[in-house]
């Protein structure tokens, strides 16, 4: 039973739970960004590329006519799909950067909240005088 309790203590530590939440939210956020790229950004770029999708761009390796006559197909490099993945990555990285930047600025504001000022020597002296005055004016009780 000790192993089970040890695992429970490990799994419930703050860092592990935070990591799990981050992974789940990151997965959902990745889907949102992918949809943004595929459904909004890529159609806009396709408009400027005269109706062609970036993901459909391929580079085919040239082959001699003899190879083509034998039925050999040229190799194609999916540079468009790679470009779309790079765009996905850049958007995700930028969004995460902005989110972390916002969180850091919020944390700084929280840390910069004015704390109670430390008592000055004049305040301490005044409090001592009040204490001494009260001690002199009030009769001592038997304890």
Protein backbone atom coordinates (compact mmCIF):
# COMPACT_ATOMS: atom_id res chain seq x y z
CA UNK A 1 0.00 0.00 0.00
CA UNK A 2 3.00 2.30 0.48
CA UNK A 3 3.68 2.40 -3.27
CA UNK A 4 0.11 3.52 -3.97
CA UNK A 5 0.30 6.31 -1.38
CA UNK A 6 3.67 7.38 -2.77
CA UNK A 7 2.22 7.54 -6.29
CA UNK A 8 -0.79 9.51 -5.04
CA UNK A 9 1.53 12.01 -3.33
CA UNK A 10 3.56 12.32 -6.53
CA UNK A 11 0.52 12.73 -8.79
CA UNK A 12 -1.10 15.34 -6.58
CA UNK A 13 1.96 17.57 -6.31
CA UNK A 14 1.37 21.00 -7.77
CA UNK A 15 3.87 20.71 -10.61
CA UNK A 16 2.45 17.46 -11.98
CA UNK A 17 -1.13 18.72 -11.89
CA UNK A 18 -0.08 22.02 -13.50
CA UNK A 19 1.75 20.10 -16.23
CA UNK A 20 -1.29 17.91 -16.91
CA UNK A 21 -3.56 20.94 -17.16
CA UNK A 22 -1.03 22.63 -19.45
CA UNK A 23 -0.91 19.62 -21.78
CA UNK A 24 -4.70 19.42 -22.03
CA UNK A 25 -5.11 23.15 -22.62
CA UNK A 26 -2.19 23.14 -25.06
CA UNK A 27 -3.82 20.35 -27.08
CA UNK A 28 -7.10 22.23 -27.27
CA UNK A 29 -5.28 25.47 -28.11
CA UNK A 30 -3.39 23.68 -30.88
CA UNK A 31 -6.68 22.66 -32.46
CA UNK A 32 -7.90 26.25 -32.36
CA UNK A 33 -4.74 27.53 -34.02
CA UNK A 34 -4.82 24.79 -36.66
CA UNK A 35 -8.41 25.71 -37.49
CA UNK A 36 -7.42 29.39 -37.64
CA UNK A 37 -4.61 28.63 -40.07
CA UNK A 38 -6.57 26.16 -42.24
CA UNK A 39 -9.90 27.98 -42.35
CA UNK A 40 -8.93 31.66 -42.23
CA UNK A 41 -5.28 32.39 -42.95
CA UNK A 42 -4.71 29.85 -45.75
CA UNK A 43 -7.84 30.85 -47.71
CA UNK A 44 -6.71 34.48 -47.51
CA UNK A 45 -3.27 33.53 -48.84
CA UNK A 46 -4.99 31.38 -51.48
CA UNK A 47 -6.91 34.44 -52.60
CA UNK A 48 -3.65 36.27 -53.20
CA UNK A 49 -2.21 33.17 -54.88
CA UNK A 50 -5.09 33.10 -57.37
CA UNK A 51 -7.13 30.35 -55.77
CA UNK A 52 -4.29 27.94 -55.02
CA UNK A 53 -3.75 26.53 -51.57
CA UNK A 54 -0.31 26.82 -50.00
CA UNK A 55 -0.57 23.23 -48.77
CA UNK A 56 -0.96 22.00 -52.37
CA UNK A 57 2.39 23.38 -53.54
CA UNK A 58 4.80 20.58 -54.42
CA UNK A 59 8.14 20.44 -56.11
CA UNK A 60 8.56 17.47 -58.40
CA UNK A 61 11.99 16.17 -59.22
CA UNK A 62 12.77 16.18 -62.93
CA UNK A 63 13.10 12.78 -64.60
CA UNK A 64 14.46 11.85 -67.98
CA UNK A 65 11.86 10.96 -70.60
CA UNK A 66 13.05 7.32 -70.59
CA UNK A 67 12.14 6.98 -66.90
CA UNK A 68 8.74 8.54 -67.48
CA UNK A 69 8.14 6.11 -70.39
CA UNK A 70 8.83 3.21 -68.02
CA UNK A 71 6.11 4.46 -65.67
CA UNK A 72 8.37 5.88 -62.98
CA UNK A 73 6.73 8.80 -61.26
CA UNK A 74 8.80 11.77 -60.13
CA UNK A 75 9.35 12.31 -56.42
CA UNK A 76 7.40 15.23 -55.05
CA UNK A 77 8.39 17.41 -52.14
CA UNK A 78 5.44 18.81 -50.19
CA UNK A 79 6.88 22.25 -49.50
CA UNK A 80 3.40 23.72 -49.16
CA UNK A 81 2.43 21.35 -46.35
CA UNK A 82 5.72 22.16 -44.65
CA UNK A 83 5.05 25.89 -45.02
CA UNK A 84 1.61 25.44 -43.48
CA UNK A 85 3.16 23.61 -40.51
CA UNK A 86 5.69 26.41 -40.07
CA UNK A 87 2.88 28.98 -40.10
CA UNK A 88 1.01 26.90 -37.48
CA UNK A 89 4.12 26.82 -35.30
CA UNK A 90 4.79 30.55 -35.60
CA UNK A 91 1.20 31.41 -34.67
CA UNK A 92 1.19 29.02 -31.68
CA UNK A 93 4.58 30.28 -30.48
CA UNK A 94 3.48 33.92 -30.81
CA UNK A 95 0.21 33.28 -28.98
CA UNK A 96 2.02 31.50 -26.15
CA UNK A 97 4.57 34.34 -25.99
CA UNK A 98 1.77 36.90 -25.69
CA UNK A 99 0.00 34.84 -23.03
CA UNK A 100 3.19 34.46 -20.96
CA UNK A 101 3.97 38.15 -21.38
CA UNK A 102 0.51 39.07 -20.11
CA UNK A 103 0.84 36.70 -17.16
CA UNK A 104 4.27 38.13 -16.28
CA UNK A 105 3.00 41.71 -16.39
CA UNK A 106 0.06 40.71 -14.19
CA UNK A 107 2.49 39.03 -11.74
CA UNK A 108 4.70 42.15 -11.68
CA UNK A 109 1.71 44.36 -10.91
CA UNK A 110 0.76 42.00 -8.11
CA UNK A 111 4.29 42.04 -6.70
CA UNK A 112 4.58 45.82 -7.02
CA UNK A 113 1.47 46.44 -4.94
CA UNK A 114 2.47 48.87 -2.21
CA UNK A 115 3.15 47.17 1.08
CA UNK A 116 2.64 48.87 4.40
CA UNK A 117 5.55 51.23 4.91
CA UNK A 118 7.91 50.22 7.70
CA UNK A 119 7.62 52.33 10.80
CA UNK A 120 9.98 55.25 10.93
CA UNK A 121 12.13 55.97 13.99
CA UNK A 122 9.84 58.90 14.78
CA UNK A 123 6.81 56.57 14.82
CA UNK A 124 8.57 54.13 17.10
CA UNK A 125 9.62 56.92 19.47
CA UNK A 126 6.05 58.27 19.58
CA UNK A 127 4.65 54.81 20.33
CA UNK A 128 7.15 54.36 23.17
CA UNK A 129 6.17 57.72 24.66
CA UNK A 130 2.47 56.78 24.50
CA UNK A 131 3.20 53.41 26.15
CA UNK A 132 5.24 55.03 28.91
CA UNK A 133 2.58 57.68 29.48
CA UNK A 134 -0.12 55.04 29.77
CA UNK A 135 1.99 52.98 32.11
CA UNK A 136 2.53 55.99 34.43
CA UNK A 137 -1.11 57.10 34.46
CA UNK A 138 -2.74 53.74 35.06
CA UNK A 139 -2.32 51.95 38.38
CA UNK A 140 -0.71 48.56 38.15
CA UNK A 141 -2.92 45.59 38.76
CA UNK A 142 -1.86 42.78 40.98
CA UNK A 143 -1.31 39.75 38.90
